[in-house]
Structure formats: C-alpha cells, structure tokens
Amino acid sequence: MTKHNRIKEASATVNRGGRLPAFKPTHIQVLLKIVAEHPQASLDEIANELYRQSGLQVCSATIRRCLRAQGIVRLKVKRHVYTP
C-alpha cells in the first residue's frame, strides 16, 4: 500500500504528455505587437502576419485562445443603422 501511494504521488508531478504549446513567449510578444499595430485585422490576417514575422503557422482559433489567455477579447465594432 505504501508503494502504491508513492507511485501515485510521483505520477502527479510528472508531465502527463500531450501536445506542447505552439506559442512561445517570443511568439506572444510578436502577436501582441501585431494586434496593437492592426487592431481591426481579422484573425486570418493576424495569422498570416504572424507567419511572415516569426515563421509560426497556427490557425485562427489558436490565435483567439492565445489572445484570450492574455486578456484580450476581440469584439466587432457596433454600427448603428439609421433609417430616415
């Protein structure tokens, strides 16, 4: 029983695997710079610019998740339509 508990505790600290994160800290800095320079750019445009500047190719959903993790939420601009 003691051996089982030691193994269980040891396995909790070991990395369980899975895919490594695509964004490194340097990529995040480049991404934030791109978003600051082009605030109205679409996620696909940001992905293309990120690939051009850093060589990292990711999908738009990955960019959205990374921005959300950094506290940036991109919202559409509300446009009011006035009818005469």
Protein backbone atom coordinates (compact mmCIF):
# COMPACT_ATOMS: atom_id res chain seq x y z
CA MET A 1 0.00 0.00 0.00
CA THR A 2 2.84 2.38 0.78
CA LYS A 3 4.43 1.68 -2.59
CA HIS A 4 1.14 2.44 -4.35
CA ASN A 5 0.84 5.81 -2.60
CA ARG A 6 4.39 6.76 -3.52
CA ILE A 7 3.78 5.92 -7.16
CA LYS A 8 0.51 7.84 -7.17
CA GLU A 9 2.15 10.94 -5.66
CA ALA A 10 5.10 10.74 -8.04
CA SER A 11 2.88 10.45 -11.09
CA ALA A 12 1.01 13.62 -10.11
CA THR A 13 4.18 15.69 -10.53
CA VAL A 14 5.27 14.11 -13.82
CA ASN A 15 4.12 15.70 -17.07
CA ARG A 16 1.34 13.54 -18.42
CA GLY A 17 2.17 14.28 -22.03
CA GLY A 18 0.09 15.92 -24.68
CA ARG A 19 0.92 18.38 -27.36
CA LEU A 20 3.35 21.17 -26.50
CA PRO A 21 2.04 24.74 -26.67
CA ALA A 22 2.55 26.35 -30.07
CA PHE A 23 3.17 29.82 -28.66
CA LYS A 24 6.49 30.54 -27.00
CA PRO A 25 6.94 33.83 -25.06
CA THR A 26 8.67 35.40 -28.07
CA HIS A 27 5.74 34.47 -30.31
CA ILE A 28 3.30 36.01 -27.83
CA GLN A 29 5.25 39.29 -27.90
CA VAL A 30 5.14 39.33 -31.71
CA LEU A 31 1.41 38.54 -31.65
CA LEU A 32 0.66 41.36 -29.21
CA LYS A 33 2.69 43.78 -31.34
CA ILE A 34 0.75 42.76 -34.46
CA VAL A 35 -2.59 43.23 -32.70
CA ALA A 36 -1.51 46.64 -31.40
CA GLU A 37 -0.45 47.76 -34.88
CA HIS A 38 -3.53 46.35 -36.66
CA PRO A 39 -6.45 46.40 -34.19
CA GLN A 40 -9.11 45.86 -36.89
CA ALA A 41 -7.34 42.96 -38.63
CA SER A 42 -9.14 39.64 -38.88
CA LEU A 43 -7.76 36.56 -37.15
CA ASP A 44 -6.70 35.14 -40.52
CA GLU A 45 -4.83 38.34 -41.35
CA ILE A 46 -3.13 38.21 -37.95
CA ALA A 47 -2.20 34.55 -38.57
CA ASN A 48 -0.64 35.45 -41.93
CA GLU A 49 1.31 38.35 -40.43
CA LEU A 50 2.48 36.17 -37.53
CA TYR A 51 3.76 33.59 -40.00
CA ARG A 52 5.52 36.30 -42.02
CA GLN A 53 7.23 37.82 -38.98
CA SER A 54 8.03 34.78 -36.86
CA GLY A 55 7.58 31.70 -39.05
CA LEU A 56 4.93 30.27 -36.71
CA GLN A 57 1.94 28.85 -38.59
CA VAL A 58 -1.17 28.47 -36.44
CA CYS A 59 -4.90 28.56 -37.10
CA SER A 60 -7.18 31.45 -36.18
CA ALA A 61 -8.69 29.52 -33.24
CA THR A 62 -5.23 29.16 -31.68
CA ILE A 63 -4.68 32.90 -32.03
CA ARG A 64 -8.06 33.60 -30.44
CA ARG A 65 -7.25 31.31 -27.49
CA CYS A 66 -3.83 32.92 -27.00
CA LEU A 67 -5.28 36.43 -27.10
CA ARG A 68 -7.99 35.46 -24.64
CA ALA A 69 -5.35 33.99 -22.30
CA GLN A 70 -3.55 37.36 -22.48
CA GLY A 71 -6.78 39.15 -21.52
CA ILE A 72 -7.57 40.48 -24.99
CA VAL A 73 -11.08 39.88 -26.31
CA ARG A 74 -11.74 40.99 -29.85
CA LEU A 75 -15.25 42.27 -30.45
CA LYS A 76 -16.93 43.53 -33.57
CA VAL A 77 -17.47 47.25 -33.82
CA LYS A 78 -21.14 48.04 -33.27
CA ARG A 79 -22.58 50.04 -36.12
CA HIS A 80 -25.88 51.76 -35.73
CA VAL A 81 -28.06 51.88 -38.80
CA TYR A 82 -30.29 54.91 -39.01
CA THR A 83 -33.23 54.80 -41.34
CA PRO A 84 -34.94 58.03 -42.37
